[in-house]
Amino acid sequence: MNLGVVTGTVTATVKHPVYRNRRLMVVALCAPDWTRTGRETLAVDTVGSGVGDRVLVLKEGNSARSIFGEGEIPMQEMIVGIVDRVDGEER
């Protein structure tokens, strides 16, 4: 799993049926202190996140797909939580 910040949305008029009624978000990946790593990804939103939200991204292809209870679908990453805070050692 990774932490990230939602930076945008993707709009597509033609898409795979599994994406119907689901939003695809652009997420800037972050370190635990919320500094951006310089990497971005696309993730299916499952929690109603929006631009500016700090999120938890599941980046395991098979694990992500199994959440939907479907077989082989074109999905690698999904947003599975909106993060309130990260606690831990001082950095």
Protein backbone atom coordinates (compact mmCIF):
# COMPACT_ATOMS: atom_id res chain seq x y z
CA MET A 1 0.00 0.00 0.00
CA ASN A 2 1.02 3.58 -0.56
CA LEU A 3 0.03 7.01 0.68
CA GLY A 4 -0.90 9.69 -1.80
CA VAL A 5 -2.74 12.90 -2.52
CA VAL A 6 -5.48 13.03 -5.15
CA THR A 7 -4.48 15.63 -7.74
CA GLY A 8 -7.10 15.13 -10.43
CA THR A 9 -9.68 12.98 -12.15
CA VAL A 10 -9.77 11.17 -15.48
CA THR A 11 -12.80 11.40 -17.77
CA ALA A 12 -13.34 8.74 -20.44
CA THR A 13 -16.42 8.37 -22.60
CA VAL A 14 -15.46 4.87 -23.75
CA LYS A 15 -14.15 2.47 -21.09
CA HIS A 16 -14.17 -1.14 -19.92
CA PRO A 17 -17.54 -2.11 -18.35
CA VAL A 18 -15.95 -2.67 -14.92
CA TYR A 19 -15.29 1.07 -14.73
CA ARG A 20 -18.95 2.07 -15.12
CA ASN A 21 -20.08 4.20 -12.18
CA ARG A 22 -16.51 4.30 -10.82
CA ARG A 23 -14.17 7.27 -10.83
CA LEU A 24 -10.56 7.11 -11.90
CA MET A 25 -8.30 9.47 -9.95
CA VAL A 26 -4.79 10.81 -10.49
CA VAL A 27 -2.79 10.30 -7.28
CA ALA A 28 0.61 11.79 -6.40
CA LEU A 29 2.40 9.17 -4.29
CA CYS A 30 3.88 10.35 -0.98
CA ALA A 31 6.25 9.35 1.81
CA PRO A 32 4.76 8.94 5.33
CA ASP A 33 5.54 12.62 6.06
CA TRP A 34 3.44 13.57 2.97
CA THR A 35 6.35 14.75 0.86
CA ARG A 36 5.67 13.80 -2.73
CA THR A 37 7.92 11.17 -4.26
CA GLY A 38 7.64 12.53 -7.79
CA ARG A 39 5.64 9.50 -8.93
CA GLU A 40 1.97 9.58 -9.91
CA THR A 41 -0.50 6.81 -10.60
CA LEU A 42 -4.09 6.26 -11.66
CA ALA A 43 -6.33 4.55 -9.13
CA VAL A 44 -9.99 3.54 -9.06
CA ASP A 45 -11.79 5.39 -6.26
CA THR A 46 -13.81 3.10 -3.96
CA VAL A 47 -14.36 5.53 -1.07
CA GLY A 48 -15.60 8.81 -2.56
CA SER A 49 -12.33 10.71 -2.41
CA GLY A 50 -11.82 14.05 -4.10
CA VAL A 51 -9.05 16.32 -5.29
CA GLY A 52 -6.84 17.32 -2.36
CA ASP A 53 -7.70 14.28 -0.21
CA ARG A 54 -4.90 12.28 1.37
CA VAL A 55 -5.57 8.66 0.49
CA LEU A 56 -4.43 5.07 0.97
CA VAL A 57 -3.74 3.34 -2.37
CA LEU A 58 -3.75 -0.43 -2.71
CA LYS A 59 -1.17 -1.23 -5.38
CA GLU A 60 -1.48 -4.98 -5.63
CA GLY A 61 -3.08 -6.06 -8.89
CA ASN A 62 -4.63 -9.33 -7.74
CA SER A 63 -5.61 -7.99 -4.30
CA ALA A 64 -7.20 -4.93 -5.86
CA ARG A 65 -9.15 -7.02 -8.35
CA SER A 66 -10.38 -9.49 -5.71
CA ILE A 67 -12.15 -6.70 -3.81
CA PHE A 68 -14.67 -6.50 -6.64
CA GLY A 69 -15.23 -10.26 -6.65
CA GLU A 70 -14.67 -10.48 -10.38
CA GLY A 71 -12.18 -12.49 -12.41
CA GLU A 72 -9.57 -10.95 -14.62
CA ILE A 73 -10.32 -7.25 -14.91
CA PRO A 74 -8.03 -4.42 -16.07
CA MET A 75 -7.35 -2.91 -12.66
CA GLN A 76 -4.07 -2.57 -10.78
CA GLU A 77 -4.56 0.15 -8.18
CA MET A 78 -7.43 1.49 -6.12
CA ILE A 79 -8.08 4.04 -3.41
CA VAL A 80 -9.24 2.15 -0.33
CA GLY A 81 -9.20 4.84 2.35
CA ILE A 82 -9.12 8.56 3.12
CA VAL A 83 -6.31 9.21 5.61
CA ASP A 84 -6.90 11.45 8.62
CA ARG A 85 -3.33 11.27 9.93
CA VAL A 86 -0.19 9.13 10.07
CA ASP A 87 1.30 8.53 13.52
CA GLY A 88 4.79 7.25 14.14
CA GLU A 89 8.38 8.08 14.90
CA GLU A 90 9.54 11.64 14.44
CA ARG A 91 11.39 12.00 11.16
